[in-house]
Amino acid sequence: MKKKFACEIDCANCAQKVEDAIRKLDGVVDVKVNFLMQKFTLEAADESFEEVLETAIRTGQKIEADFSVSR
């Protein structure tokens, strides 16, 4: 499953750091954090998507405290 969400992130460098960290998580097929568009795209298996999404958001917030995802 692939879903797009609105997100808030402060700079392009932070977006890249968050994207790199989330990409390493188990269950993540693909991820994109677009600073200019303030979009977060996550692709993961259907059966574990919500769990992977929660982990991805927590991981992003550890790297950039202001990172948030609107669902």
C-alpha atoms as a PDB file:
ATOM      1  CA  MET A   1       0.000   0.000   0.000  1.00  0.00           C
ATOM      2  CA  LYS A   2       1.223   3.466  -0.841  1.00  0.00           C
ATOM      3  CA  LYS A   3      -0.269   6.545   0.815  1.00  0.00           C
ATOM      4  CA  LYS A   4       0.459  10.263   0.765  1.00  0.00           C
ATOM      5  CA  PHE A   5       0.023  12.538   3.750  1.00  0.00           C
ATOM      6  CA  ALA A   6       0.439  16.215   4.456  1.00  0.00           C
ATOM      7  CA  CYS A   7       3.370  16.776   6.748  1.00  0.00           C
ATOM      8  CA  GLU A   8       5.246  19.572   8.406  1.00  0.00           C
ATOM      9  CA  ILE A   9       9.022  19.713   8.271  1.00  0.00           C
ATOM     10  CA  ASP A  10      11.241  22.773   8.623  1.00  0.00           C
ATOM     11  CA  CYS A  11      14.062  22.337   6.111  1.00  0.00           C
ATOM     12  CA  ALA A  12      15.241  20.254   3.161  1.00  0.00           C
ATOM     13  CA  ASN A  13      18.195  18.872   5.123  1.00  0.00           C
ATOM     14  CA  CYS A  14      15.898  17.680   7.914  1.00  0.00           C
ATOM     15  CA  ALA A  15      13.575  16.107   5.337  1.00  0.00           C
ATOM     16  CA  GLN A  16      16.489  14.143   3.883  1.00  0.00           C
ATOM     17  CA  LYS A  17      17.636  12.957   7.329  1.00  0.00           C
ATOM     18  CA  VAL A  18      14.106  11.833   8.225  1.00  0.00           C
ATOM     19  CA  GLU A  19      13.679  10.077   4.867  1.00  0.00           C
ATOM     20  CA  ASP A  20      17.009   8.254   5.218  1.00  0.00           C
ATOM     21  CA  ALA A  21      16.159   7.037   8.723  1.00  0.00           C
ATOM     22  CA  ILE A  22      12.648   5.867   7.801  1.00  0.00           C
ATOM     23  CA  ARG A  23      13.963   4.058   4.722  1.00  0.00           C
ATOM     24  CA  LYS A  24      16.022   1.796   7.044  1.00  0.00           C
ATOM     25  CA  LEU A  25      12.985   0.649   9.061  1.00  0.00           C
ATOM     26  CA  ASP A  26      11.682  -2.899   8.719  1.00  0.00           C
ATOM     27  CA  GLY A  27       8.605  -3.047   6.522  1.00  0.00           C
ATOM     28  CA  VAL A  28       9.269   0.154   4.575  1.00  0.00           C
ATOM     29  CA  VAL A  29       9.215  -0.459   0.820  1.00  0.00           C
ATOM     30  CA  ASP A  30       9.706   3.199  -0.140  1.00  0.00           C
ATOM     31  CA  VAL A  31       9.460   6.623   1.490  1.00  0.00           C
ATOM     32  CA  LYS A  32       9.641  10.226   0.326  1.00  0.00           C
ATOM     33  CA  VAL A  33       9.639  13.371   2.452  1.00  0.00           C
ATOM     34  CA  ASN A  34       9.141  16.423   0.253  1.00  0.00           C
ATOM     35  CA  PHE A  35      10.055  19.661   2.038  1.00  0.00           C
ATOM     36  CA  LEU A  36       8.779  22.017  -0.676  1.00  0.00           C
ATOM     37  CA  MET A  37       5.391  20.340  -1.021  1.00  0.00           C
ATOM     38  CA  GLN A  38       5.185  19.380   2.680  1.00  0.00           C
ATOM     39  CA  LYS A  39       4.224  15.824   1.646  1.00  0.00           C
ATOM     40  CA  PHE A  40       5.104  12.483   3.196  1.00  0.00           C
ATOM     41  CA  THR A  41       4.695   9.361   1.050  1.00  0.00           C
ATOM     42  CA  LEU A  42       5.034   5.903   2.573  1.00  0.00           C
ATOM     43  CA  GLU A  43       4.848   2.525   0.891  1.00  0.00           C
ATOM     44  CA  ALA A  44       4.602  -0.631   2.997  1.00  0.00           C
ATOM     45  CA  ALA A  45       2.802  -3.971   3.010  1.00  0.00           C
ATOM     46  CA  ASP A  46      -0.988  -3.679   3.429  1.00  0.00           C
ATOM     47  CA  GLU A  47      -1.170  -5.938   6.486  1.00  0.00           C
ATOM     48  CA  SER A  48       1.421  -3.957   8.467  1.00  0.00           C
ATOM     49  CA  PHE A  49       0.922  -0.458   7.033  1.00  0.00           C
ATOM     50  CA  GLU A  50      -0.494   1.219  10.156  1.00  0.00           C
ATOM     51  CA  GLU A  51       2.233  -0.233  12.383  1.00  0.00           C
ATOM     52  CA  VAL A  52       4.975   0.844   9.951  1.00  0.00           C
ATOM     53  CA  LEU A  53       3.387   4.304   9.675  1.00  0.00           C
ATOM     54  CA  GLU A  54       3.391   4.774  13.466  1.00  0.00           C
ATOM     55  CA  THR A  55       7.022   3.670  13.684  1.00  0.00           C
ATOM     56  CA  ALA A  56       7.962   5.975  10.798  1.00  0.00           C
ATOM     57  CA  ILE A  57       6.321   8.987  12.444  1.00  0.00           C
ATOM     58  CA  ARG A  58       8.032   8.300  15.783  1.00  0.00           C
ATOM     59  CA  THR A  59      11.371   7.878  14.017  1.00  0.00           C
ATOM     60  CA  GLY A  60      10.910  11.152  12.152  1.00  0.00           C
ATOM     61  CA  GLN A  61      10.074  12.979  15.380  1.00  0.00           C
ATOM     62  CA  LYS A  62      13.234  11.668  17.055  1.00  0.00           C
ATOM     63  CA  ILE A  63      15.308  13.250  14.277  1.00  0.00           C
ATOM     64  CA  GLU A  64      13.271  16.424  13.834  1.00  0.00           C
ATOM     65  CA  ALA A  65      11.052  17.332  16.793  1.00  0.00           C
ATOM     66  CA  ASP A  66       8.755  19.483  14.615  1.00  0.00           C
ATOM     67  CA  PHE A  67       8.070  16.670  12.098  1.00  0.00           C
ATOM     68  CA  SER A  68       4.366  15.918  12.020  1.00  0.00           C
ATOM     69  CA  VAL A  69       2.060  13.982   9.714  1.00  0.00           C
ATOM     70  CA  SER A  70      -1.615  14.792   9.153  1.00  0.00           C
ATOM     71  CA  ARG A  71      -3.782  11.748   8.592  1.00  0.00           C
END
